[in-house]
Amino acid sequence: MSYFFSTPVDIDIVLEDGDDRPMVDVKQDKNRREKVPLYMDGESVKGAITVRPKDGKRLEHTGIKVQFIGTIEMYFERGNHYEFLSLGQELAAPGELQHPQTFEFNFKNVEKQYEAYNGINVRLRYFLRVTVSRRMADVVREKDIWVYSYRIPPETNSSIKMDVGIEDCLHIEFEYSKSKYHLKDVIVGRIYFLLVRLKIKHMELSIIRRETTGAPPNQYNESETLVRFEIMDGSPSRGETIPIRLFLGGFDLTPTFREVNKRFSTRYYLSLVLIDEGTSHARRYFKQSEIVLFRQAPEGLTPPPPVNTELTPA
């Protein structure tokens, strides 16, 4: 049976500067990660493709082409891919191959307006697709690349100040120094206890990512807790201040995405949780505040002007 499923050619896709280019360690599923070459918006994607007939046999084909494609794939819509980018180059006219042949390709200064993303219900993907067309069945090979979208730090970045209260039992104020953070930033803040008449067991700070896909009525929302950080153990006293300092660089975060191609969004929230030692069972009190995350360009790299609304207030 293997004869019927084998392909008559091997196809190798080699990117120029592939060995020198930064690689991104991408989570493909729960148990598998893959290193993918990194590109940025406006950068050319070029390299060489080698088509090698197996066992020296002659291969008849009706054309060979390469495409550079950007798609959004919804996992709950199997087989439904939304292409927002599609470029193509013909490599060979109809003919035949008996020996390995190498073709060069170059997609110049390609606009890659969105950052690549692998989420719970959606994937935004950039890839090269090589197709050897045949009368019987086409032979297709694909190679993924990854894209980062860098942003200029916002000119205004206001702090977050909020109160949490339970009448005659608890009143606290919390403050974060700003509301927009780059992915290697530090969240700095404080919690001030004005009134404490509950026996608080401990307090924790979480970062939650909320992914929204689709559009009503077929809209899906998924939340996942990415970070859970204990900031206090034991009951505080009135007038006590608890400092907050959380480094973001060690966590698997992405920028905030808003209405990407009108298909999906990702938002991030800081969630402050207090656990009270109740008389019969522990009770939880929480307060969430949205923050905006963005990818800051490495030193010496000037990012292009933004083409979407990642840093626009909600």
C-alpha atoms as a PDB file:
ATOM      1  CA  MET A   1       0.000   0.000   0.000  1.00  0.00           C
ATOM      2  CA  SER A   2       2.908   2.366   0.652  1.00  0.00           C
ATOM      3  CA  TYR A   3       3.492   2.576  -3.105  1.00  0.00           C
ATOM      4  CA  PHE A   4       0.173   4.349  -3.613  1.00  0.00           C
ATOM      5  CA  PHE A   5       0.914   6.951  -0.923  1.00  0.00           C
ATOM      6  CA  SER A   6       4.534   7.697  -1.810  1.00  0.00           C
ATOM      7  CA  THR A   7       5.424  10.819  -3.768  1.00  0.00           C
ATOM      8  CA  PRO A   8       7.574  10.603  -6.908  1.00  0.00           C
ATOM      9  CA  VAL A   9       9.750  13.604  -5.907  1.00  0.00           C
ATOM     10  CA  ASP A  10      11.482  15.123  -2.906  1.00  0.00           C
ATOM     11  CA  ILE A  11      11.156  18.885  -2.473  1.00  0.00           C
ATOM     12  CA  ASP A  12      13.612  20.879  -0.351  1.00  0.00           C
ATOM     13  CA  ILE A  13      12.969  24.522   0.562  1.00  0.00           C
ATOM     14  CA  VAL A  14      16.048  26.430   1.755  1.00  0.00           C
ATOM     15  CA  LEU A  15      15.735  30.046   2.886  1.00  0.00           C
ATOM     16  CA  GLU A  16      18.550  32.487   2.237  1.00  0.00           C
ATOM     17  CA  ASP A  17      20.464  33.333   5.434  1.00  0.00           C
ATOM     18  CA  GLY A  18      18.543  30.533   7.103  1.00  0.00           C
ATOM     19  CA  ASP A  19      21.463  29.560   9.339  1.00  0.00           C
ATOM     20  CA  ASP A  20      22.072  33.146  10.479  1.00  0.00           C
ATOM     21  CA  ARG A  21      18.461  34.174  10.952  1.00  0.00           C
ATOM     22  CA  PRO A  22      16.911  34.237  14.461  1.00  0.00           C
ATOM     23  CA  MET A  23      14.659  31.281  15.228  1.00  0.00           C
ATOM     24  CA  VAL A  24      11.459  31.294  17.276  1.00  0.00           C
ATOM     25  CA  ASP A  25      10.573  28.306  19.436  1.00  0.00           C
ATOM     26  CA  VAL A  26       6.887  27.839  18.524  1.00  0.00           C
ATOM     27  CA  LYS A  27       4.461  25.663  20.451  1.00  0.00           C
ATOM     28  CA  GLN A  28       2.625  23.545  17.866  1.00  0.00           C
ATOM     29  CA  ASP A  29       0.591  21.464  20.326  1.00  0.00           C
ATOM     30  CA  LYS A  30       0.776  20.284  23.952  1.00  0.00           C
ATOM     31  CA  ASN A  31       3.761  18.015  23.423  1.00  0.00           C
ATOM     32  CA  ARG A  32       5.539  19.481  20.413  1.00  0.00           C
ATOM     33  CA  ARG A  33       7.561  22.614  19.781  1.00  0.00           C
ATOM     34  CA  GLU A  34       9.301  23.632  16.566  1.00  0.00           C
ATOM     35  CA  LYS A  35      11.952  26.217  15.708  1.00  0.00           C
ATOM     36  CA  VAL A  36      10.774  28.529  12.896  1.00  0.00           C
ATOM     37  CA  PRO A  37      12.798  31.292  11.132  1.00  0.00           C
ATOM     38  CA  LEU A  38      11.850  34.840  12.115  1.00  0.00           C
ATOM     39  CA  TYR A  39      10.966  37.665   9.697  1.00  0.00           C
ATOM     40  CA  MET A  40       9.554  41.142  10.097  1.00  0.00           C
ATOM     41  CA  ASP A  41       7.169  43.312   8.112  1.00  0.00           C
ATOM     42  CA  GLY A  42       8.609  44.567   4.817  1.00  0.00           C
ATOM     43  CA  GLU A  43      11.421  42.026   4.710  1.00  0.00           C
ATOM     44  CA  SER A  44      12.000  39.968   1.546  1.00  0.00           C
ATOM     45  CA  VAL A  45      11.478  36.204   1.683  1.00  0.00           C
ATOM     46  CA  LYS A  46      13.871  34.476  -0.678  1.00  0.00           C
ATOM     47  CA  GLY A  47      15.773  31.268  -1.128  1.00  0.00           C
ATOM     48  CA  ALA A  48      16.041  28.184  -3.317  1.00  0.00           C
ATOM     49  CA  ILE A  49      13.885  25.136  -4.009  1.00  0.00           C
ATOM     50  CA  THR A  50      15.327  21.816  -5.130  1.00  0.00           C
ATOM     51  CA  VAL A  51      13.038  19.300  -6.829  1.00  0.00           C
ATOM     52  CA  ARG A  52      14.571  15.835  -6.867  1.00  0.00           C
ATOM     53  CA  PRO A  53      12.934  12.903  -8.743  1.00  0.00           C
ATOM     54  CA  LYS A  54      13.132   9.683  -6.753  1.00  0.00           C
ATOM     55  CA  ASP A  55      15.231   6.741  -7.948  1.00  0.00           C
ATOM     56  CA  GLY A  56      16.339   8.707 -11.023  1.00  0.00           C
ATOM     57  CA  LYS A  57      12.942   8.208 -12.628  1.00  0.00           C
ATOM     58  CA  ARG A  58      11.634  10.685 -15.157  1.00  0.00           C
ATOM     59  CA  LEU A  59       8.922  12.971 -13.804  1.00  0.00           C
ATOM     60  CA  GLU A  60       6.360  14.587 -16.055  1.00  0.00           C
ATOM     61  CA  HIS A  61       4.701  17.698 -14.659  1.00  0.00           C
ATOM     62  CA  THR A  62       2.357  20.455 -15.805  1.00  0.00           C
ATOM     63  CA  GLY A  63       4.219  23.251 -14.018  1.00  0.00           C
ATOM     64  CA  ILE A  64       6.070  24.081 -10.803  1.00  0.00           C
ATOM     65  CA  LYS A  65       5.231  27.129  -8.690  1.00  0.00           C
ATOM     66  CA  VAL A  66       5.943  28.646  -5.272  1.00  0.00           C
ATOM     67  CA  GLN A  67       3.520  30.737  -3.215  1.00  0.00           C
ATOM     68  CA  PHE A  68       3.934  32.885  -0.127  1.00  0.00           C
ATOM     69  CA  ILE A  69       0.704  32.726   1.855  1.00  0.00           C
ATOM     70  CA  GLY A  70      -0.744  34.289   4.996  1.00  0.00           C
ATOM     71  CA  THR A  71      -3.829  32.606   6.457  1.00  0.00           C
ATOM     72  CA  ILE A  72      -6.050  32.665   9.507  1.00  0.00           C
ATOM     73  CA  GLU A  73      -7.238  29.194  10.460  1.00  0.00           C
ATOM     74  CA  MET A  74     -10.166  28.718  12.834  1.00  0.00           C
ATOM     75  CA  TYR A  75      -9.924  25.366  14.584  1.00  0.00           C
ATOM     76  CA  PHE A  76     -13.700  25.151  15.028  1.00  0.00           C
ATOM     77  CA  GLU A  77     -14.172  25.609  11.258  1.00  0.00           C
ATOM     78  CA  ARG A  78     -12.184  22.663   9.974  1.00  0.00           C
ATOM     79  CA  GLY A  79     -10.929  23.255   6.457  1.00  0.00           C
ATOM     80  CA  ASN A  80     -11.999  26.908   6.467  1.00  0.00           C
ATOM     81  CA  HIS A  81      -8.902  29.068   5.949  1.00  0.00           C
ATOM     82  CA  TYR A  82      -9.035  32.819   5.377  1.00  0.00           C
ATOM     83  CA  GLU A  83      -6.208  34.037   3.141  1.00  0.00           C
ATOM     84  CA  PHE A  84      -5.183  37.651   3.712  1.00  0.00           C
ATOM     85  CA  LEU A  85      -1.960  37.345   1.697  1.00  0.00           C
ATOM     86  CA  SER A  86      -1.196  35.322  -1.442  1.00  0.00           C
ATOM     87  CA  LEU A  87       1.775  35.859  -3.752  1.00  0.00           C
ATOM     88  CA  GLY A  88       2.986  33.448  -6.419  1.00  0.00           C
ATOM     89  CA  GLN A  89       5.895  32.812  -8.761  1.00  0.00           C
ATOM     90  CA  GLU A  90       6.102  30.296 -11.592  1.00  0.00           C
ATOM     91  CA  LEU A  91       9.303  28.271 -11.365  1.00  0.00           C
ATOM     92  CA  ALA A  92       8.994  25.964 -14.381  1.00  0.00           C
ATOM     93  CA  ALA A  93       6.731  25.574 -17.398  1.00  0.00           C
ATOM     94  CA  PRO A  94       5.181  22.147 -18.140  1.00  0.00           C
ATOM     95  CA  GLY A  95       7.837  19.593 -18.957  1.00  0.00           C
ATOM     96  CA  GLU A  96       9.748  16.736 -17.377  1.00  0.00           C
ATOM     97  CA  LEU A  97      12.507  16.233 -14.814  1.00  0.00           C
ATOM     98  CA  GLN A  98      14.960  13.359 -14.595  1.00  0.00           C
ATOM     99  CA  HIS A  99      17.679  14.970 -12.470  1.00  0.00           C
ATOM    100  CA  PRO A 100      17.556  17.286  -9.441  1.00  0.00           C
ATOM    101  CA  GLN A 101      16.867  20.874 -10.383  1.00  0.00           C
ATOM    102  CA  THR A 102      17.153  23.989  -8.214  1.00  0.00           C
ATOM    103  CA  PHE A 103      14.991  27.091  -8.633  1.00  0.00           C
ATOM    104  CA  GLU A 104      15.548  30.441  -6.925  1.00  0.00           C
ATOM    105  CA  PHE A 105      12.667  32.566  -5.668  1.00  0.00           C
ATOM    106  CA  ASN A 106      12.338  36.042  -4.183  1.00  0.00           C
ATOM    107  CA  PHE A 107       9.242  37.686  -2.721  1.00  0.00           C
ATOM    108  CA  LYS A 108      10.529  41.246  -2.353  1.00  0.00           C
ATOM    109  CA  ASN A 109       9.673  43.555   0.533  1.00  0.00           C
ATOM    110  CA  VAL A 110       6.582  41.594   1.521  1.00  0.00           C
ATOM    111  CA  GLU A 111       4.071  43.390   3.716  1.00  0.00           C
ATOM    112  CA  LYS A 112       3.333  41.152   6.694  1.00  0.00           C
ATOM    113  CA  GLN A 113       0.871  43.314   8.532  1.00  0.00           C
ATOM    114  CA  TYR A 114      -0.029  40.857  11.298  1.00  0.00           C
ATOM    115  CA  GLU A 115       2.077  38.987  13.821  1.00  0.00           C
ATOM    116  CA  ALA A 116       2.040  35.189  13.606  1.00  0.00           C
ATOM    117  CA  TYR A 117       0.007  33.535  16.373  1.00  0.00           C
ATOM    118  CA  ASN A 118      -0.853  30.046  17.624  1.00  0.00           C
ATOM    119  CA  GLY A 119      -3.826  30.207  19.983  1.00  0.00           C
ATOM    120  CA  ILE A 120      -6.474  27.970  21.503  1.00  0.00           C
ATOM    121  CA  ASN A 121      -9.027  28.308  18.695  1.00  0.00           C
ATOM    122  CA  VAL A 122      -7.132  30.164  15.983  1.00  0.00           C
ATOM    123  CA  ARG A 123      -3.809  30.227  14.177  1.00  0.00           C
ATOM    124  CA  LEU A 124      -2.352  33.038  12.065  1.00  0.00           C
ATOM    125  CA  ARG A 125       0.225  31.466   9.809  1.00  0.00           C
ATOM    126  CA  TYR A 126       2.749  32.517   7.136  1.00  0.00           C
ATOM    127  CA  PHE A 127       4.241  29.825   4.926  1.00  0.00           C
ATOM    128  CA  LEU A 128       5.813  28.954   1.586  1.00  0.00           C
ATOM    129  CA  ARG A 129       4.021  26.384  -0.548  1.00  0.00           C
ATOM    130  CA  VAL A 130       5.701  24.610  -3.463  1.00  0.00           C
ATOM    131  CA  THR A 131       3.423  22.771  -5.902  1.00  0.00           C
ATOM    132  CA  VAL A 132       4.574  20.347  -8.569  1.00  0.00           C
ATOM    133  CA  SER A 133       1.442  20.017 -10.712  1.00  0.00           C
ATOM    134  CA  ARG A 134       0.751  16.637 -12.288  1.00  0.00           C
ATOM    135  CA  ARG A 135      -2.100  15.079 -14.238  1.00  0.00           C
ATOM    136  CA  MET A 136      -2.662  12.463 -11.526  1.00  0.00           C
ATOM    137  CA  ALA A 137      -2.003  14.176  -8.181  1.00  0.00           C
ATOM    138  CA  ASP A 138      -0.090  17.322  -7.309  1.00  0.00           C
ATOM    139  CA  VAL A 139       2.923  17.114  -5.006  1.00  0.00           C
ATOM    140  CA  VAL A 140       2.890  19.881  -2.390  1.00  0.00           C
ATOM    141  CA  ARG A 141       5.476  20.887   0.197  1.00  0.00           C
ATOM    142  CA  GLU A 142       5.140  23.690   2.774  1.00  0.00           C
ATOM    143  CA  LYS A 143       7.548  25.564   5.042  1.00  0.00           C
ATOM    144  CA  ASP A 144       6.467  27.923   7.813  1.00  0.00           C
ATOM    145  CA  ILE A 145       8.061  31.193   8.829  1.00  0.00           C
ATOM    146  CA  TRP A 146       7.289  33.323  11.891  1.00  0.00           C
ATOM    147  CA  VAL A 147       6.581  37.054  11.937  1.00  0.00           C
ATOM    148  CA  TYR A 148       6.990  39.599  14.733  1.00  0.00           C
ATOM    149  CA  SER A 149       5.281  42.995  14.566  1.00  0.00           C
ATOM    150  CA  TYR A 150       7.286  45.620  16.451  1.00  0.00           C
ATOM    151  CA  ARG A 151       5.665  48.764  17.786  1.00  0.00           C
ATOM    152  CA  ILE A 152       6.906  52.159  18.916  1.00  0.00           C
ATOM    153  CA  PRO A 153       6.293  52.692  22.665  1.00  0.00           C
ATOM    154  CA  PRO A 154       3.118  54.723  23.263  1.00  0.00           C
ATOM    155  CA  GLU A 155       3.494  58.446  23.938  1.00  0.00           C
ATOM    156  CA  THR A 156       0.947  58.325  26.765  1.00  0.00           C
ATOM    157  CA  ASN A 157       0.847  55.534  29.324  1.00  0.00           C
ATOM    158  CA  SER A 158      -1.439  56.251  32.247  1.00  0.00           C
ATOM    159  CA  SER A 159      -1.381  54.355  35.524  1.00  0.00           C
ATOM    160  CA  ILE A 160      -4.144  52.027  36.726  1.00  0.00           C
ATOM    161  CA  LYS A 161      -5.802  52.863  40.054  1.00  0.00           C
ATOM    162  CA  MET A 162      -8.744  50.908  41.442  1.00  0.00           C
ATOM    163  CA  ASP A 163     -10.546  50.205  44.715  1.00  0.00           C
ATOM    164  CA  VAL A 164     -11.770  46.848  45.963  1.00  0.00           C
ATOM    165  CA  GLY A 165     -14.281  46.860  48.770  1.00  0.00           C
ATOM    166  CA  ILE A 166     -16.748  44.799  50.749  1.00  0.00           C
ATOM    167  CA  GLU A 167     -18.901  47.004  52.944  1.00  0.00           C
ATOM    168  CA  ASP A 168     -17.639  47.175  56.551  1.00  0.00           C
ATOM    169  CA  CYS A 169     -15.272  44.239  55.879  1.00  0.00           C
ATOM    170  CA  LEU A 170     -12.570  45.156  53.397  1.00  0.00           C
ATOM    171  CA  HIS A 171     -11.310  48.198  51.540  1.00  0.00           C
ATOM    172  CA  ILE A 172      -8.082  48.157  49.557  1.00  0.00           C
ATOM    173  CA  GLU A 173      -6.556  50.355  46.880  1.00  0.00           C
ATOM    174  CA  PHE A 174      -4.250  48.998  44.234  1.00  0.00           C
ATOM    175  CA  GLU A 175      -2.174  50.837  41.697  1.00  0.00           C
ATOM    176  CA  TYR A 176      -0.035  49.782  38.722  1.00  0.00           C
ATOM    177  CA  SER A 177       2.481  52.322  37.423  1.00  0.00           C
ATOM    178  CA  LYS A 178       1.239  52.067  33.818  1.00  0.00           C
ATOM    179  CA  SER A 179      -1.333  50.334  31.620  1.00  0.00           C
ATOM    180  CA  LYS A 180       0.807  49.445  28.564  1.00  0.00           C
ATOM    181  CA  TYR A 181       3.817  47.141  28.751  1.00  0.00           C
ATOM    182  CA  HIS A 182       6.319  45.699  26.309  1.00  0.00           C
ATOM    183  CA  LEU A 183       6.876  41.944  26.485  1.00  0.00           C
ATOM    184  CA  LYS A 184      10.140  42.242  28.473  1.00  0.00           C
ATOM    185  CA  ASP A 185       8.767  44.885  30.825  1.00  0.00           C
ATOM    186  CA  VAL A 186       8.255  44.845  34.594  1.00  0.00           C
ATOM    187  CA  ILE A 187       4.859  45.370  36.212  1.00  0.00           C
ATOM    188  CA  VAL A 188       5.406  47.652  39.203  1.00  0.00           C
ATOM    189  CA  GLY A 189       2.653  48.556  41.630  1.00  0.00           C
ATOM    190  CA  ARG A 190       1.406  48.544  45.191  1.00  0.00           C
ATOM    191  CA  ILE A 191      -1.575  47.426  47.244  1.00  0.00           C
ATOM    192  CA  TYR A 192      -2.711  49.543  50.199  1.00  0.00           C
ATOM    193  CA  PHE A 193      -5.044  48.150  52.883  1.00  0.00           C
ATOM    194  CA  LEU A 194      -7.437  50.782  54.242  1.00  0.00           C
ATOM    195  CA  LEU A 195      -9.776  48.412  56.090  1.00  0.00           C
ATOM    196  CA  VAL A 196      -9.254  44.740  56.929  1.00  0.00           C
ATOM    197  CA  ARG A 197     -11.885  42.830  58.913  1.00  0.00           C
ATOM    198  CA  LEU A 198     -11.484  39.568  57.052  1.00  0.00           C
ATOM    199  CA  LYS A 199      -8.978  36.856  57.842  1.00  0.00           C
ATOM    200  CA  ILE A 200      -7.114  36.854  54.533  1.00  0.00           C
ATOM    201  CA  LYS A 201      -5.170  33.674  53.866  1.00  0.00           C
ATOM    202  CA  HIS A 202      -3.137  34.926  50.917  1.00  0.00           C
ATOM    203  CA  MET A 203      -3.214  37.135  47.835  1.00  0.00           C
ATOM    204  CA  GLU A 204      -2.093  36.409  44.286  1.00  0.00           C
ATOM    205  CA  LEU A 205      -1.683  38.272  41.011  1.00  0.00           C
ATOM    206  CA  SER A 206      -2.492  36.505  37.735  1.00  0.00           C
ATOM    207  CA  ILE A 207      -2.095  37.369  34.065  1.00  0.00           C
ATOM    208  CA  ILE A 208      -5.031  36.133  32.003  1.00  0.00           C
ATOM    209  CA  ARG A 209      -5.222  35.979  28.219  1.00  0.00           C
ATOM    210  CA  ARG A 210      -8.714  36.123  26.722  1.00  0.00           C
ATOM    211  CA  GLU A 211      -8.965  34.969  23.112  1.00  0.00           C
ATOM    212  CA  THR A 212     -12.075  35.911  21.122  1.00  0.00           C
ATOM    213  CA  THR A 213     -12.651  34.288  17.742  1.00  0.00           C
ATOM    214  CA  GLY A 214     -15.373  34.563  15.131  1.00  0.00           C
ATOM    215  CA  ALA A 215     -18.321  36.926  15.143  1.00  0.00           C
ATOM    216  CA  PRO A 216     -21.752  36.709  16.791  1.00  0.00           C
ATOM    217  CA  PRO A 217     -23.641  34.450  16.921  1.00  0.00           C
ATOM    218  CA  ASN A 218     -20.715  32.094  16.230  1.00  0.00           C
ATOM    219  CA  GLN A 219     -18.253  33.747  18.600  1.00  0.00           C
ATOM    220  CA  TYR A 220     -16.001  31.829  20.959  1.00  0.00           C
ATOM    221  CA  ASN A 221     -14.238  33.145  24.067  1.00  0.00           C
ATOM    222  CA  GLU A 222     -11.437  31.251  25.786  1.00  0.00           C
ATOM    223  CA  SER A 223      -9.499  32.411  28.838  1.00  0.00           C
ATOM    224  CA  GLU A 224      -6.280  30.932  30.150  1.00  0.00           C
ATOM    225  CA  THR A 225      -4.201  31.849  33.175  1.00  0.00           C
ATOM    226  CA  LEU A 226      -0.621  32.277  31.986  1.00  0.00           C
ATOM    227  CA  VAL A 227       0.986  33.430  35.234  1.00  0.00           C
ATOM    228  CA  ARG A 228      -0.031  33.010  38.875  1.00  0.00           C
ATOM    229  CA  PHE A 229       2.175  34.904  41.321  1.00  0.00           C
ATOM    230  CA  GLU A 230       1.673  34.934  45.107  1.00  0.00           C
ATOM    231  CA  ILE A 231       2.292  38.414  46.482  1.00  0.00           C
ATOM    232  CA  MET A 232       1.230  37.938  50.117  1.00  0.00           C
ATOM    233  CA  ASP A 233       0.924  35.046  52.557  1.00  0.00           C
ATOM    234  CA  GLY A 234      -0.989  35.712  55.755  1.00  0.00           C
ATOM    235  CA  SER A 235      -3.402  38.377  56.893  1.00  0.00           C
ATOM    236  CA  PRO A 236      -2.383  42.043  56.451  1.00  0.00           C
ATOM    237  CA  SER A 237      -3.040  44.813  58.933  1.00  0.00           C
ATOM    238  CA  ARG A 238      -4.743  48.136  58.357  1.00  0.00           C
ATOM    239  CA  GLY A 239      -2.442  50.683  56.729  1.00  0.00           C
ATOM    240  CA  GLU A 240      -0.085  48.036  55.348  1.00  0.00           C
ATOM    241  CA  THR A 241       1.316  48.437  51.819  1.00  0.00           C
ATOM    242  CA  ILE A 242       2.325  45.444  49.683  1.00  0.00           C
ATOM    243  CA  PRO A 243       4.701  46.178  46.769  1.00  0.00           C
ATOM    244  CA  ILE A 244       4.260  44.448  43.391  1.00  0.00           C
ATOM    245  CA  ARG A 245       7.091  43.679  40.978  1.00  0.00           C
ATOM    246  CA  LEU A 246       6.432  41.126  38.243  1.00  0.00           C
ATOM    247  CA  PHE A 247       8.918  40.538  35.403  1.00  0.00           C
ATOM    248  CA  LEU A 248       7.185  39.633  32.123  1.00  0.00           C
ATOM    249  CA  GLY A 249      10.230  38.410  30.189  1.00  0.00           C
ATOM    250  CA  GLY A 250      10.037  34.812  31.401  1.00  0.00           C
ATOM    251  CA  PHE A 251       6.474  34.130  30.286  1.00  0.00           C
ATOM    252  CA  ASP A 252       4.942  32.997  26.983  1.00  0.00           C
ATOM    253  CA  LEU A 253       3.135  36.230  26.092  1.00  0.00           C
ATOM    254  CA  THR A 254       2.081  37.787  22.803  1.00  0.00           C
ATOM    255  CA  PRO A 255       1.089  41.372  22.027  1.00  0.00           C
ATOM    256  CA  THR A 256      -2.493  42.471  22.472  1.00  0.00           C
ATOM    257  CA  PHE A 257      -4.366  41.898  19.200  1.00  0.00           C
ATOM    258  CA  ARG A 258      -7.592  43.743  18.398  1.00  0.00           C
ATOM    259  CA  GLU A 259      -9.865  42.575  15.581  1.00  0.00           C
ATOM    260  CA  VAL A 260      -7.122  41.007  13.469  1.00  0.00           C
ATOM    261  CA  ASN A 261      -8.582  40.869   9.948  1.00  0.00           C
ATOM    262  CA  LYS A 262     -11.953  41.027  11.780  1.00  0.00           C
ATOM    263  CA  ARG A 263     -11.390  37.382  12.769  1.00  0.00           C
ATOM    264  CA  PHE A 264      -9.965  37.319  16.283  1.00  0.00           C
ATOM    265  CA  SER A 265      -8.679  39.332  19.250  1.00  0.00           C
ATOM    266  CA  THR A 266      -6.478  38.631  22.249  1.00  0.00           C
ATOM    267  CA  ARG A 267      -6.657  40.754  25.383  1.00  0.00           C
ATOM    268  CA  TYR A 268      -4.680  40.598  28.602  1.00  0.00           C
ATOM    269  CA  TYR A 269      -5.855  41.211  32.157  1.00  0.00           C
ATOM    270  CA  LEU A 270      -4.193  41.573  35.531  1.00  0.00           C
ATOM    271  CA  SER A 271      -6.322  39.716  38.057  1.00  0.00           C
ATOM    272  CA  LEU A 272      -5.878  40.411  41.760  1.00  0.00           C
ATOM    273  CA  VAL A 273      -7.252  37.566  43.897  1.00  0.00           C
ATOM    274  CA  LEU A 274      -7.718  37.484  47.687  1.00  0.00           C
ATOM    275  CA  ILE A 275      -8.488  34.217  49.454  1.00  0.00           C
ATOM    276  CA  ASP A 276     -10.380  34.587  52.736  1.00  0.00           C
ATOM    277  CA  GLU A 277     -10.372  31.892  55.427  1.00  0.00           C
ATOM    278  CA  GLY A 278     -14.114  31.731  55.896  1.00  0.00           C
ATOM    279  CA  THR A 279     -15.823  29.871  58.716  1.00  0.00           C
ATOM    280  CA  SER A 280     -16.812  26.907  56.533  1.00  0.00           C
ATOM    281  CA  HIS A 281     -14.859  27.319  53.318  1.00  0.00           C
ATOM    282  CA  ALA A 282     -12.377  29.648  51.648  1.00  0.00           C
ATOM    283  CA  ARG A 283     -13.900  32.529  49.716  1.00  0.00           C
ATOM    284  CA  ARG A 284     -12.247  34.279  46.787  1.00  0.00           C
ATOM    285  CA  TYR A 285     -12.488  37.955  45.898  1.00  0.00           C
ATOM    286  CA  PHE A 286     -10.997  39.252  42.673  1.00  0.00           C
ATOM    287  CA  LYS A 287     -10.667  42.370  40.558  1.00  0.00           C
ATOM    288  CA  GLN A 288      -9.498  42.449  36.946  1.00  0.00           C
ATOM    289  CA  SER A 289      -8.019  45.322  34.970  1.00  0.00           C
ATOM    290  CA  GLU A 290      -7.036  45.230  31.308  1.00  0.00           C
ATOM    291  CA  ILE A 291      -3.474  45.944  30.228  1.00  0.00           C
ATOM    292  CA  VAL A 292      -2.078  46.350  26.716  1.00  0.00           C
ATOM    293  CA  LEU A 293       1.013  44.389  25.677  1.00  0.00           C
ATOM    294  CA  PHE A 294       3.195  45.294  22.702  1.00  0.00           C
ATOM    295  CA  ARG A 295       6.426  44.013  21.174  1.00  0.00           C
ATOM    296  CA  GLN A 296       9.194  46.577  21.417  1.00  0.00           C
ATOM    297  CA  ALA A 297      11.835  46.571  18.698  1.00  0.00           C
ATOM    298  CA  PRO A 298      15.348  45.453  19.704  1.00  0.00           C
ATOM    299  CA  GLU A 299      17.895  48.222  20.139  1.00  0.00           C
ATOM    300  CA  GLY A 300      19.017  49.596  16.787  1.00  0.00           C
ATOM    301  CA  LEU A 301      15.947  48.374  14.909  1.00  0.00           C
ATOM    302  CA  THR A 302      13.382  50.974  13.844  1.00  0.00           C
ATOM    303  CA  PRO A 303       9.885  49.502  13.593  1.00  0.00           C
ATOM    304  CA  PRO A 304       7.529  50.511  10.785  1.00  0.00           C
ATOM    305  CA  PRO A 305       4.534  52.706  11.632  1.00  0.00           C
ATOM    306  CA  PRO A 306       1.629  50.661  13.031  1.00  0.00           C
ATOM    307  CA  VAL A 307      -0.878  49.303  10.521  1.00  0.00           C
ATOM    308  CA  ASN A 308      -3.399  47.933  13.036  1.00  0.00           C
ATOM    309  CA  THR A 309      -4.781  49.007  16.386  1.00  0.00           C
ATOM    310  CA  GLU A 310      -2.826  47.011  18.921  1.00  0.00           C
ATOM    311  CA  LEU A 311      -1.994  50.068  21.046  1.00  0.00           C
ATOM    312  CA  THR A 312      -5.328  51.815  20.635  1.00  0.00           C
ATOM    313  CA  PRO A 313      -7.356  52.006  23.855  1.00  0.00           C
ATOM    314  CA  ALA A 314     -10.413  49.803  23.943  1.00  0.00           C
END
